[in-house]
Amino acid sequence: PCIATYLSYCAIWYLDGKPTAYSTGKFHEALVREAELINAAKNRNPWALFMMYLGALQSQVSELLFPWRSVKSGDMSSSPYFNQWYGLDLNFREAVAKLAEPNQLLIPND
């Protein structure tokens, strides 16, 4: 659900002419920072690198894709909005605006 939400958000905001974390380069910058952290790791054990990648992805990149802190969950199924959305027609612009309100990450600076 997070990827579908993010891609829909990117498509709608592209059509509306608004910048996104992807179109402004914030997503790229976060991935570059993550790559630099992983390249600097002294422990090259595959398991250590995998855990480092996972942790950096969760702490630096995932919030750009879906504001899990805003919905107070790292998983859509335990989000307070899940029961309000499941099986219902959804006004996507309105829904994304509601998710973005607490931290304004999805709202671009005009």
Protein backbone atom coordinates (compact mmCIF):
# COMPACT_ATOMS: atom_id res chain seq x y z
CA PRO A 1 0.00 0.00 0.00
CA CYS A 2 2.84 2.44 0.71
CA ILE A 3 4.34 2.17 -2.77
CA ALA A 4 0.93 2.48 -4.44
CA THR A 5 0.18 5.54 -2.30
CA TYR A 6 3.53 7.13 -3.14
CA LEU A 7 3.27 6.50 -6.88
CA SER A 8 -0.30 7.82 -6.97
CA TYR A 9 0.82 10.85 -4.98
CA CYS A 10 3.69 11.49 -7.42
CA ALA A 11 1.41 11.14 -10.45
CA ILE A 12 -1.31 13.42 -9.09
CA TRP A 13 1.10 16.07 -7.88
CA TYR A 14 2.98 15.91 -11.20
CA LEU A 15 -0.32 16.54 -12.99
CA ASP A 16 -1.03 19.39 -10.57
CA GLY A 17 2.44 20.84 -11.22
CA LYS A 18 3.59 20.47 -7.60
CA PRO A 19 7.05 19.26 -6.59
CA THR A 20 7.54 15.95 -4.76
CA ALA A 21 10.42 14.46 -2.81
CA TYR A 22 11.28 12.58 -6.00
CA SER A 23 11.05 15.51 -8.45
CA THR A 24 12.96 17.92 -6.18
CA GLY A 25 15.83 15.50 -5.65
CA LYS A 26 15.22 14.92 -1.90
CA PHE A 27 14.70 11.20 -2.50
CA HIS A 28 17.96 10.99 -4.49
CA GLU A 29 19.86 12.93 -1.80
CA ALA A 30 18.60 10.55 0.90
CA LEU A 31 19.72 7.53 -1.13
CA VAL A 32 23.15 9.10 -1.73
CA ARG A 33 23.54 9.72 2.04
CA GLU A 34 22.59 6.11 2.68
CA ALA A 35 25.12 4.85 0.12
CA GLU A 36 27.85 6.98 1.73
CA LEU A 37 27.04 5.51 5.16
CA ILE A 38 27.17 1.97 3.84
CA ASN A 39 30.40 2.58 1.91
CA ALA A 40 32.02 3.96 5.07
CA ALA A 41 31.15 0.85 7.09
CA LYS A 42 34.19 -1.00 8.38
CA ASN A 43 32.29 -4.24 8.91
CA ARG A 44 31.76 -5.62 5.39
CA ASN A 45 29.95 -8.73 6.59
CA PRO A 46 26.87 -9.17 4.35
CA TRP A 47 24.53 -9.39 7.33
CA ALA A 48 25.96 -6.20 8.86
CA LEU A 49 25.64 -4.36 5.54
CA PHE A 50 22.07 -5.60 5.09
CA MET A 51 21.05 -4.44 8.57
CA MET A 52 22.77 -1.10 8.01
CA TYR A 53 20.94 -0.69 4.70
CA LEU A 54 17.61 -1.57 6.33
CA GLY A 55 18.12 0.83 9.23
CA ALA A 56 19.23 3.71 7.02
CA LEU A 57 16.34 3.11 4.65
CA GLN A 58 13.85 3.22 7.50
CA SER A 59 15.38 6.25 9.22
CA GLN A 60 16.32 8.41 6.23
CA VAL A 61 14.36 7.37 3.16
CA SER A 62 11.02 5.83 4.07
CA GLU A 63 9.58 9.03 5.54
CA LEU A 64 10.01 10.64 2.10
CA LEU A 65 7.91 7.87 0.52
CA PHE A 66 5.15 7.66 3.09
CA PRO A 67 4.82 9.71 6.27
CA TRP A 68 4.60 6.78 8.69
CA ARG A 69 5.24 9.07 11.66
CA SER A 70 2.22 11.16 10.65
CA VAL A 71 -0.12 8.20 10.76
CA LYS A 72 1.63 6.93 13.90
CA SER A 73 2.45 3.58 12.39
CA GLY A 74 5.11 1.97 10.26
CA ASP A 75 2.46 -0.16 8.62
CA MET A 76 -0.73 0.93 6.89
CA SER A 77 -2.79 -1.89 8.41
CA SER A 78 -2.28 -0.52 11.92
CA SER A 79 -2.84 3.08 10.87
CA PRO A 80 -5.83 4.87 12.41
CA TYR A 81 -6.88 5.71 8.83
CA PHE A 82 -6.96 2.07 7.65
CA ASN A 83 -10.58 1.36 8.62
CA GLN A 84 -11.71 4.68 7.17
CA TRP A 85 -10.15 3.87 3.77
CA TYR A 86 -10.55 0.14 3.32
CA GLY A 87 -13.21 -0.68 0.74
CA LEU A 88 -14.30 2.92 0.32
CA ASP A 89 -13.99 5.31 -2.60
CA LEU A 90 -11.10 7.61 -1.88
CA ASN A 91 -10.50 11.25 -2.77
CA PHE A 92 -6.73 10.86 -3.05
CA ARG A 93 -5.83 14.56 -2.86
CA GLU A 94 -7.87 14.96 0.33
CA ALA A 95 -6.42 11.78 1.86
CA VAL A 96 -2.80 12.75 1.18
CA ALA A 97 -3.43 16.23 2.58
CA LYS A 98 -4.77 14.65 5.80
CA LEU A 99 -1.72 12.41 6.11
CA ALA A 100 0.64 15.32 5.54
CA GLU A 101 -0.92 17.68 8.11
CA PRO A 102 1.06 16.62 11.22
CA ASN A 103 4.52 17.05 9.73
CA GLN A 104 4.01 18.78 6.38
CA LEU A 105 6.49 16.45 4.61
CA LEU A 106 4.15 15.82 1.69
CA ILE A 107 3.19 19.48 1.33
CA PRO A 108 5.63 21.29 -0.97
CA ASN A 109 6.69 24.85 -0.32
CA ASP A 110 4.85 27.01 -2.84
